[in-house]
Amino acid sequence: VHQRDQLAGDLAAADARIAEIIVEQAAEVTARDALGYDAGAHEELRVARESAGSALVLAREAERAAAETRARAQTELAKLQGALEEARKTVARADELRSEARYRDRVATLLDGFRDHLVGRVGPELSREAESLFRELTNHEYDDLKIDDDTLSIHIADGDTYFDIDRFSGSETDLANLALRVAISMHLSRVSGADVGMLVLDEALGSLDQERKDLMVQAMGRLSSRFHQLFVVTHAEQVKDQFPIAVQISKTGRRRSAASVI
């Protein structure tokens, strides 16, 4: 009996709850009707919201891509600005170099004119001086020697023809160069008004045969009248007795030497 009464109470409570739910549903329907709820419009709004969400995602991706493109553009712009600055510096330096080149061209033109003037005045005199000494040094084996007016190179006459110095042997080349150097020294002495007191010849005998060595020593004897002092540095032992004074340098130890008059 007790259970039957309990079940009857539960059934009555369930009926009451069902009645409440029916009332609530009726109220919701009434409220929805009052709001003018449209299921089709609601579905359209849902689709529009989803479309808007997708568009937002795409917009954010486009924004990120634009930011990356902007960053790359800024980097390239910085590089271009650096290159532009370097180009400006290069243009400025090119202008400086062009200006320097104009000055150098002008100086070169002036120097060429001065050289031509100097060679025109000095060349013939040097040729005469060098030719006279060269004839003595070669025992009149060669008839003439002249200095080229443009290059100041030496040309030696063999018969009726002048040849470049490279055509001749080492001994003739050394004698010709010696003759020219002495001629230049004598000319500078006359032009400056100074007395050339000393002439030093370092290994001037090295490439000469014995006959030419003897002729060279004899020529040096004649040159001694033009200089107060004449020093000849040589390893040719056989000519030392032909000079009035000979000084011999001998090694006495590691990195030490001694000089003695012999």
C-alpha atoms as a PDB file:
ATOM      1  CA  VAL A   1       0.000   0.000   0.000  1.00  0.00           C
ATOM      2  CA  HIS A   2       2.829   2.291   0.894  1.00  0.00           C
ATOM      3  CA  GLN A   3       4.555   1.727  -2.472  1.00  0.00           C
ATOM      4  CA  ARG A   4       1.307   2.298  -4.312  1.00  0.00           C
ATOM      5  CA  ASP A   5       0.870   5.591  -2.557  1.00  0.00           C
ATOM      6  CA  GLN A   6       4.472   6.556  -3.381  1.00  0.00           C
ATOM      7  CA  LEU A   7       3.997   5.749  -7.051  1.00  0.00           C
ATOM      8  CA  ALA A   8       0.783   7.698  -7.148  1.00  0.00           C
ATOM      9  CA  GLY A   9       2.605  10.725  -5.694  1.00  0.00           C
ATOM     10  CA  ASP A  10       5.441  10.452  -8.249  1.00  0.00           C
ATOM     11  CA  LEU A  11       2.937  10.185 -11.069  1.00  0.00           C
ATOM     12  CA  ALA A  12       1.119  13.246  -9.867  1.00  0.00           C
ATOM     13  CA  ALA A  13       4.463  15.163  -9.685  1.00  0.00           C
ATOM     14  CA  ALA A  14       5.336  14.040 -13.206  1.00  0.00           C
ATOM     15  CA  ASP A  15       2.011  15.187 -14.503  1.00  0.00           C
ATOM     16  CA  ALA A  16       2.525  18.543 -12.853  1.00  0.00           C
ATOM     17  CA  ARG A  17       6.015  18.909 -14.486  1.00  0.00           C
ATOM     18  CA  ILE A  18       4.626  17.966 -17.861  1.00  0.00           C
ATOM     19  CA  ALA A  19       1.993  20.627 -17.463  1.00  0.00           C
ATOM     20  CA  GLU A  20       4.738  23.197 -16.612  1.00  0.00           C
ATOM     21  CA  ILE A  21       6.803  22.247 -19.687  1.00  0.00           C
ATOM     22  CA  ILE A  22       3.715  22.573 -21.879  1.00  0.00           C
ATOM     23  CA  VAL A  23       3.113  26.024 -20.423  1.00  0.00           C
ATOM     24  CA  GLU A  24       6.805  27.025 -20.972  1.00  0.00           C
ATOM     25  CA  GLN A  25       6.750  25.834 -24.564  1.00  0.00           C
ATOM     26  CA  ALA A  26       3.534  27.681 -25.187  1.00  0.00           C
ATOM     27  CA  ALA A  27       5.145  30.816 -23.727  1.00  0.00           C
ATOM     28  CA  GLU A  28       8.256  30.395 -25.969  1.00  0.00           C
ATOM     29  CA  VAL A  29       6.069  29.938 -29.044  1.00  0.00           C
ATOM     30  CA  THR A  30       4.081  32.998 -28.049  1.00  0.00           C
ATOM     31  CA  ALA A  31       7.316  35.020 -27.529  1.00  0.00           C
ATOM     32  CA  ARG A  32       8.793  33.782 -30.830  1.00  0.00           C
ATOM     33  CA  ASP A  33       5.644  34.668 -32.681  1.00  0.00           C
ATOM     34  CA  ALA A  34       5.677  38.055 -30.995  1.00  0.00           C
ATOM     35  CA  LEU A  35       9.303  38.627 -32.218  1.00  0.00           C
ATOM     36  CA  GLY A  36       8.444  37.662 -35.751  1.00  0.00           C
ATOM     37  CA  TYR A  37      10.949  34.745 -35.872  1.00  0.00           C
ATOM     38  CA  ASP A  38      11.674  33.616 -39.469  1.00  0.00           C
ATOM     39  CA  ALA A  39      13.536  30.324 -39.834  1.00  0.00           C
ATOM     40  CA  GLY A  40      14.625  31.113 -43.433  1.00  0.00           C
ATOM     41  CA  ALA A  41      15.998  34.506 -42.457  1.00  0.00           C
ATOM     42  CA  HIS A  42      17.788  32.912 -39.506  1.00  0.00           C
ATOM     43  CA  GLU A  43      19.455  30.397 -41.870  1.00  0.00           C
ATOM     44  CA  GLU A  44      20.516  33.177 -44.242  1.00  0.00           C
ATOM     45  CA  LEU A  45      22.069  35.077 -41.343  1.00  0.00           C
ATOM     46  CA  ARG A  46      23.949  31.969 -40.250  1.00  0.00           C
ATOM     47  CA  VAL A  47      25.321  31.448 -43.759  1.00  0.00           C
ATOM     48  CA  ALA A  48      26.265  35.142 -43.970  1.00  0.00           C
ATOM     49  CA  ARG A  49      28.056  34.893 -40.632  1.00  0.00           C
ATOM     50  CA  GLU A  50      30.055  31.891 -41.809  1.00  0.00           C
ATOM     51  CA  SER A  51      30.906  33.696 -45.061  1.00  0.00           C
ATOM     52  CA  ALA A  52      32.000  36.758 -43.090  1.00  0.00           C
ATOM     53  CA  GLY A  53      34.232  34.545 -40.906  1.00  0.00           C
ATOM     54  CA  SER A  54      35.860  32.992 -43.976  1.00  0.00           C
ATOM     55  CA  ALA A  55      36.381  36.439 -45.493  1.00  0.00           C
ATOM     56  CA  LEU A  56      37.982  37.611 -42.225  1.00  0.00           C
ATOM     57  CA  VAL A  57      40.431  34.690 -42.331  1.00  0.00           C
ATOM     58  CA  LEU A  58      41.329  35.514 -45.929  1.00  0.00           C
ATOM     59  CA  ALA A  59      41.719  39.189 -45.063  1.00  0.00           C
ATOM     60  CA  ARG A  60      44.080  38.382 -42.203  1.00  0.00           C
ATOM     61  CA  GLU A  61      46.182  36.149 -44.474  1.00  0.00           C
ATOM     62  CA  ALA A  62      46.293  38.926 -47.077  1.00  0.00           C
ATOM     63  CA  GLU A  63      47.344  41.380 -44.356  1.00  0.00           C
ATOM     64  CA  ARG A  64      50.221  39.094 -43.303  1.00  0.00           C
ATOM     65  CA  ALA A  65      51.336  38.682 -46.924  1.00  0.00           C
ATOM     66  CA  ALA A  66      51.183  42.460 -47.423  1.00  0.00           C
ATOM     67  CA  ALA A  67      53.279  43.006 -44.277  1.00  0.00           C
ATOM     68  CA  GLU A  68      55.921  40.559 -45.529  1.00  0.00           C
ATOM     69  CA  THR A  69      55.931  42.241 -48.957  1.00  0.00           C
ATOM     70  CA  ARG A  70      56.311  45.636 -47.266  1.00  0.00           C
ATOM     71  CA  ALA A  71      59.251  44.376 -45.197  1.00  0.00           C
ATOM     72  CA  ARG A  72      60.973  43.017 -48.303  1.00  0.00           C
ATOM     73  CA  ALA A  73      60.305  46.273 -50.121  1.00  0.00           C
ATOM     74  CA  GLN A  74      61.853  48.246 -47.250  1.00  0.00           C
ATOM     75  CA  THR A  75      64.937  46.017 -47.351  1.00  0.00           C
ATOM     76  CA  GLU A  76      65.293  46.495 -51.099  1.00  0.00           C
ATOM     77  CA  LEU A  77      64.760  50.227 -50.667  1.00  0.00           C
ATOM     78  CA  ALA A  78      67.596  50.368 -48.127  1.00  0.00           C
ATOM     79  CA  LYS A  79      69.856  48.514 -50.554  1.00  0.00           C
ATOM     80  CA  LEU A  80      68.913  50.851 -53.392  1.00  0.00           C
ATOM     81  CA  GLN A  81      69.546  53.884 -51.205  1.00  0.00           C
ATOM     82  CA  GLY A  82      72.993  52.511 -50.328  1.00  0.00           C
ATOM     83  CA  ALA A  83      73.731  51.832 -53.986  1.00  0.00           C
ATOM     84  CA  LEU A  84      72.537  55.339 -54.880  1.00  0.00           C
ATOM     85  CA  GLU A  85      74.856  56.841 -52.278  1.00  0.00           C
ATOM     86  CA  GLU A  86      77.783  54.806 -53.629  1.00  0.00           C
ATOM     87  CA  ALA A  87      76.880  55.917 -57.152  1.00  0.00           C
ATOM     88  CA  ARG A  88      76.900  59.544 -56.025  1.00  0.00           C
ATOM     89  CA  LYS A  89      80.315  59.076 -54.443  1.00  0.00           C
ATOM     90  CA  THR A  90      81.563  57.391 -57.618  1.00  0.00           C
ATOM     91  CA  VAL A  91      80.289  60.265 -59.739  1.00  0.00           C
ATOM     92  CA  ALA A  92      81.963  62.777 -57.422  1.00  0.00           C
ATOM     93  CA  ARG A  93      85.231  60.808 -57.543  1.00  0.00           C
ATOM     94  CA  ALA A  94      84.960  60.558 -61.324  1.00  0.00           C
ATOM     95  CA  ASP A  95      84.599  64.336 -61.494  1.00  0.00           C
ATOM     96  CA  GLU A  96      87.705  64.708 -59.317  1.00  0.00           C
ATOM     97  CA  LEU A  97      89.639  62.270 -61.499  1.00  0.00           C
ATOM     98  CA  ARG A  98      88.549  64.078 -64.655  1.00  0.00           C
ATOM     99  CA  SER A  99      89.741  67.339 -63.148  1.00  0.00           C
ATOM    100  CA  GLU A 100      93.045  65.744 -62.141  1.00  0.00           C
ATOM    101  CA  ALA A 101      93.383  64.220 -65.589  1.00  0.00           C
ATOM    102  CA  ARG A 102      92.952  67.638 -67.180  1.00  0.00           C
ATOM    103  CA  TYR A 103      95.669  69.075 -64.955  1.00  0.00           C
ATOM    104  CA  ARG A 104      97.943  66.102 -65.645  1.00  0.00           C
ATOM    105  CA  ASP A 105      97.367  66.403 -69.367  1.00  0.00           C
ATOM    106  CA  ARG A 106      98.287  70.050 -69.131  1.00  0.00           C
ATOM    107  CA  VAL A 107     101.395  69.281 -67.090  1.00  0.00           C
ATOM    108  CA  ALA A 108     102.349  66.470 -69.492  1.00  0.00           C
ATOM    109  CA  THR A 109     101.983  68.864 -72.415  1.00  0.00           C
ATOM    110  CA  LEU A 110     104.179  71.423 -70.684  1.00  0.00           C
ATOM    111  CA  LEU A 111     106.753  68.780 -69.757  1.00  0.00           C
ATOM    112  CA  ASP A 112     106.794  67.436 -73.311  1.00  0.00           C
ATOM    113  CA  GLY A 113     107.410  70.931 -74.574  1.00  0.00           C
ATOM    114  CA  PHE A 114     110.137  71.460 -72.000  1.00  0.00           C
ATOM    115  CA  ARG A 115     111.716  68.098 -72.864  1.00  0.00           C
ATOM    116  CA  ASP A 116     111.697  68.947 -76.562  1.00  0.00           C
ATOM    117  CA  HIS A 117     113.254  72.316 -75.796  1.00  0.00           C
ATOM    118  CA  LEU A 118     115.824  70.747 -73.482  1.00  0.00           C
ATOM    119  CA  VAL A 119     116.686  67.933 -75.868  1.00  0.00           C
ATOM    120  CA  GLY A 120     116.969  70.416 -78.711  1.00  0.00           C
ATOM    121  CA  ARG A 121     119.564  72.355 -76.730  1.00  0.00           C
ATOM    122  CA  VAL A 122     121.314  69.549 -74.865  1.00  0.00           C
ATOM    123  CA  GLY A 123     121.086  66.637 -77.311  1.00  0.00           C
ATOM    124  CA  PRO A 124     123.677  67.791 -79.852  1.00  0.00           C
ATOM    125  CA  GLU A 125     126.133  68.728 -77.104  1.00  0.00           C
ATOM    126  CA  LEU A 126     125.709  65.388 -75.330  1.00  0.00           C
ATOM    127  CA  SER A 127     126.192  63.601 -78.651  1.00  0.00           C
ATOM    128  CA  ARG A 128     129.459  65.454 -79.264  1.00  0.00           C
ATOM    129  CA  GLU A 129     130.776  64.790 -75.763  1.00  0.00           C
ATOM    130  CA  ALA A 130     129.757  61.118 -75.744  1.00  0.00           C
ATOM    131  CA  GLU A 131     130.973  60.516 -79.309  1.00  0.00           C
ATOM    132  CA  SER A 132     134.434  61.901 -78.546  1.00  0.00           C
ATOM    133  CA  LEU A 133     134.840  59.800 -75.405  1.00  0.00           C
ATOM    134  CA  PHE A 134     133.372  56.679 -77.035  1.00  0.00           C
ATOM    135  CA  ARG A 135     135.839  56.966 -79.919  1.00  0.00           C
ATOM    136  CA  GLU A 136     138.708  57.045 -77.422  1.00  0.00           C
ATOM    137  CA  LEU A 137     137.332  54.147 -75.376  1.00  0.00           C
ATOM    138  CA  THR A 138     137.014  51.927 -78.473  1.00  0.00           C
ATOM    139  CA  ASN A 139     140.394  52.973 -79.898  1.00  0.00           C
ATOM    140  CA  HIS A 140     138.553  54.549 -82.870  1.00  0.00           C
ATOM    141  CA  GLU A 141     136.969  51.205 -83.803  1.00  0.00           C
ATOM    142  CA  TYR A 142     133.612  52.931 -84.194  1.00  0.00           C
ATOM    143  CA  ASP A 143     133.293  56.178 -86.126  1.00  0.00           C
ATOM    144  CA  ASP A 144     130.471  57.898 -84.320  1.00  0.00           C
ATOM    145  CA  LEU A 145     127.843  57.809 -81.594  1.00  0.00           C
ATOM    146  CA  LYS A 146     124.727  59.967 -81.334  1.00  0.00           C
ATOM    147  CA  ILE A 147     121.849  60.491 -78.949  1.00  0.00           C
ATOM    148  CA  ASP A 148     118.306  60.238 -80.318  1.00  0.00           C
ATOM    149  CA  ASP A 149     116.571  63.602 -80.004  1.00  0.00           C
ATOM    150  CA  ASP A 150     113.223  62.061 -79.017  1.00  0.00           C
ATOM    151  CA  THR A 151     114.095  59.130 -76.772  1.00  0.00           C
ATOM    152  CA  LEU A 152     117.669  59.991 -75.687  1.00  0.00           C
ATOM    153  CA  SER A 153     118.614  56.425 -76.625  1.00  0.00           C
ATOM    154  CA  ILE A 154     122.099  55.693 -77.900  1.00  0.00           C
ATOM    155  CA  HIS A 155     122.845  54.855 -81.547  1.00  0.00           C
ATOM    156  CA  ILE A 156     126.291  53.729 -82.713  1.00  0.00           C
ATOM    157  CA  ALA A 157     127.615  54.152 -86.242  1.00  0.00           C
ATOM    158  CA  ASP A 158     128.992  51.046 -87.898  1.00  0.00           C
ATOM    159  CA  GLY A 159     130.216  52.151 -91.288  1.00  0.00           C
ATOM    160  CA  ASP A 160     127.692  54.531 -92.804  1.00  0.00           C
ATOM    161  CA  THR A 161     124.706  53.264 -90.789  1.00  0.00           C
ATOM    162  CA  TYR A 162     123.593  54.031 -87.240  1.00  0.00           C
ATOM    163  CA  PHE A 163     122.292  51.103 -85.197  1.00  0.00           C
ATOM    164  CA  ASP A 164     120.492  50.862 -81.877  1.00  0.00           C
ATOM    165  CA  ILE A 165     122.790  50.011 -78.968  1.00  0.00           C
ATOM    166  CA  ASP A 166     121.038  46.639 -78.479  1.00  0.00           C
ATOM    167  CA  ARG A 167     122.743  45.407 -81.672  1.00  0.00           C
ATOM    168  CA  PHE A 168     126.174  45.494 -80.070  1.00  0.00           C
ATOM    169  CA  SER A 169     127.942  43.332 -77.511  1.00  0.00           C
ATOM    170  CA  GLY A 170     127.924  43.927 -73.796  1.00  0.00           C
ATOM    171  CA  SER A 171     131.317  45.604 -73.794  1.00  0.00           C
ATOM    172  CA  GLU A 172     130.354  48.165 -76.461  1.00  0.00           C
ATOM    173  CA  THR A 173     127.086  48.782 -74.599  1.00  0.00           C
ATOM    174  CA  ASP A 174     128.929  49.431 -71.331  1.00  0.00           C
ATOM    175  CA  LEU A 175     131.414  51.754 -73.037  1.00  0.00           C
ATOM    176  CA  ALA A 176     128.636  53.697 -74.754  1.00  0.00           C
ATOM    177  CA  ASN A 177     126.667  54.067 -71.508  1.00  0.00           C
ATOM    178  CA  LEU A 178     129.798  55.174 -69.680  1.00  0.00           C
ATOM    179  CA  ALA A 179     130.526  57.745 -72.365  1.00  0.00           C
ATOM    180  CA  LEU A 180     126.979  59.113 -72.098  1.00  0.00           C
ATOM    181  CA  ARG A 181     127.076  59.282 -68.281  1.00  0.00           C
ATOM    182  CA  VAL A 182     130.364  61.167 -68.299  1.00  0.00           C
ATOM    183  CA  ALA A 183     129.007  63.508 -70.967  1.00  0.00           C
ATOM    184  CA  ILE A 184     125.909  64.210 -68.830  1.00  0.00           C
ATOM    185  CA  SER A 185     128.102  64.884 -65.781  1.00  0.00           C
ATOM    186  CA  MET A 186     130.277  67.301 -67.712  1.00  0.00           C
ATOM    187  CA  HIS A 187     127.257  69.099 -69.137  1.00  0.00           C
ATOM    188  CA  LEU A 188     125.617  69.471 -65.717  1.00  0.00           C
ATOM    189  CA  SER A 189     128.871  70.844 -64.387  1.00  0.00           C
ATOM    190  CA  ARG A 190     129.005  73.505 -67.091  1.00  0.00           C
ATOM    191  CA  VAL A 191     125.311  74.412 -66.836  1.00  0.00           C
ATOM    192  CA  SER A 192     125.268  74.692 -63.047  1.00  0.00           C
ATOM    193  CA  GLY A 193     128.625  76.401 -62.796  1.00  0.00           C
ATOM    194  CA  ALA A 194     129.579  73.857 -60.130  1.00  0.00           C
ATOM    195  CA  ASP A 195     132.804  71.930 -60.122  1.00  0.00           C
ATOM    196  CA  VAL A 196     132.198  68.183 -60.411  1.00  0.00           C
ATOM    197  CA  GLY A 197     134.929  67.080 -58.065  1.00  0.00           C
ATOM    198  CA  MET A 198     134.445  63.313 -57.979  1.00  0.00           C
ATOM    199  CA  LEU A 199     133.463  60.538 -60.378  1.00  0.00           C
ATOM    200  CA  VAL A 200     132.695  57.029 -59.080  1.00  0.00           C
ATOM    201  CA  LEU A 201     132.602  54.078 -61.474  1.00  0.00           C
ATOM    202  CA  ASP A 202     131.204  50.879 -59.948  1.00  0.00           C
ATOM    203  CA  GLU A 203     132.190  47.678 -61.831  1.00  0.00           C
ATOM    204  CA  ALA A 204     132.635  49.561 -65.098  1.00  0.00           C
ATOM    205  CA  LEU A 205     135.238  46.975 -66.172  1.00  0.00           C
ATOM    206  CA  GLY A 206     133.254  43.825 -65.421  1.00  0.00           C
ATOM    207  CA  SER A 207     132.038  42.920 -68.926  1.00  0.00           C
ATOM    208  CA  LEU A 208     135.149  44.033 -70.872  1.00  0.00           C
ATOM    209  CA  ASP A 209     137.869  41.834 -72.299  1.00  0.00           C
ATOM    210  CA  GLN A 210     141.464  42.528 -71.363  1.00  0.00           C
ATOM    211  CA  GLU A 211     142.137  44.823 -74.301  1.00  0.00           C
ATOM    212  CA  ARG A 212     139.044  46.864 -73.556  1.00  0.00           C
ATOM    213  CA  LYS A 213     139.944  46.927 -69.855  1.00  0.00           C
ATOM    214  CA  ASP A 214     143.296  48.460 -70.730  1.00  0.00           C
ATOM    215  CA  LEU A 215     141.627  50.992 -73.034  1.00  0.00           C
ATOM    216  CA  MET A 216     139.114  51.816 -70.316  1.00  0.00           C
ATOM    217  CA  VAL A 217     141.845  52.381 -67.741  1.00  0.00           C
ATOM    218  CA  GLN A 218     143.654  54.630 -70.214  1.00  0.00           C
ATOM    219  CA  ALA A 219     140.440  56.556 -70.834  1.00  0.00           C
ATOM    220  CA  MET A 220     139.969  56.893 -67.079  1.00  0.00           C
ATOM    221  CA  GLY A 221     143.442  58.399 -66.942  1.00  0.00           C
ATOM    222  CA  ARG A 222     142.306  60.998 -69.446  1.00  0.00           C
ATOM    223  CA  LEU A 223     139.106  61.549 -67.463  1.00  0.00           C
ATOM    224  CA  SER A 224     141.129  62.197 -64.333  1.00  0.00           C
ATOM    225  CA  SER A 225     142.118  65.552 -65.775  1.00  0.00           C
ATOM    226  CA  ARG A 226     138.421  66.542 -65.691  1.00  0.00           C
ATOM    227  CA  PHE A 227     137.768  65.424 -62.104  1.00  0.00           C
ATOM    228  CA  HIS A 228     139.602  66.026 -58.870  1.00  0.00           C
ATOM    229  CA  GLN A 229     138.977  62.463 -57.721  1.00  0.00           C
ATOM    230  CA  LEU A 230     138.203  59.316 -59.681  1.00  0.00           C
ATOM    231  CA  PHE A 231     137.132  56.181 -57.811  1.00  0.00           C
ATOM    232  CA  VAL A 232     136.921  52.850 -59.618  1.00  0.00           C
ATOM    233  CA  VAL A 233     135.273  49.920 -57.828  1.00  0.00           C
ATOM    234  CA  THR A 234     136.229  46.633 -59.481  1.00  0.00           C
ATOM    235  CA  HIS A 235     137.036  42.963 -58.931  1.00  0.00           C
ATOM    236  CA  ALA A 236     139.509  42.969 -61.857  1.00  0.00           C
ATOM    237  CA  GLU A 237     142.771  42.230 -60.069  1.00  0.00           C
ATOM    238  CA  GLN A 238     144.903  42.611 -63.203  1.00  0.00           C
ATOM    239  CA  VAL A 239     144.268  46.355 -63.546  1.00  0.00           C
ATOM    240  CA  LYS A 240     145.047  47.439 -59.999  1.00  0.00           C
ATOM    241  CA  ASP A 241     148.673  48.213 -60.856  1.00  0.00           C
ATOM    242  CA  GLN A 242     147.553  50.670 -63.549  1.00  0.00           C
ATOM    243  CA  PHE A 243     146.092  53.049 -60.950  1.00  0.00           C
ATOM    244  CA  PRO A 244     148.248  55.330 -58.804  1.00  0.00           C
ATOM    245  CA  ILE A 245     146.550  54.176 -55.601  1.00  0.00           C
ATOM    246  CA  ALA A 246     144.712  50.921 -54.947  1.00  0.00           C
ATOM    247  CA  VAL A 247     142.689  50.146 -51.839  1.00  0.00           C
ATOM    248  CA  GLN A 248     141.930  46.494 -51.187  1.00  0.00           C
ATOM    249  CA  ILE A 249     138.907  45.452 -49.112  1.00  0.00           C
ATOM    250  CA  SER A 250     139.332  42.120 -47.321  1.00  0.00           C
ATOM    251  CA  LYS A 251     137.024  40.182 -45.045  1.00  0.00           C
ATOM    252  CA  THR A 252     138.327  39.827 -41.472  1.00  0.00           C
ATOM    253  CA  GLY A 253     135.429  37.961 -39.950  1.00  0.00           C
ATOM    254  CA  ARG A 254     131.714  37.574 -40.000  1.00  0.00           C
ATOM    255  CA  ARG A 255     130.224  40.739 -41.462  1.00  0.00           C
ATOM    256  CA  ARG A 256     133.520  42.554 -40.969  1.00  0.00           C
ATOM    257  CA  SER A 257     136.003  43.925 -43.481  1.00  0.00           C
ATOM    258  CA  ALA A 258     139.243  45.866 -43.484  1.00  0.00           C
ATOM    259  CA  ALA A 259     140.693  48.295 -46.054  1.00  0.00           C
ATOM    260  CA  SER A 260     144.377  48.519 -46.864  1.00  0.00           C
ATOM    261  CA  VAL A 261     146.436  50.480 -49.417  1.00  0.00           C
ATOM    262  CA  ILE A 262     148.417  48.197 -51.684  1.00  0.00           C
END
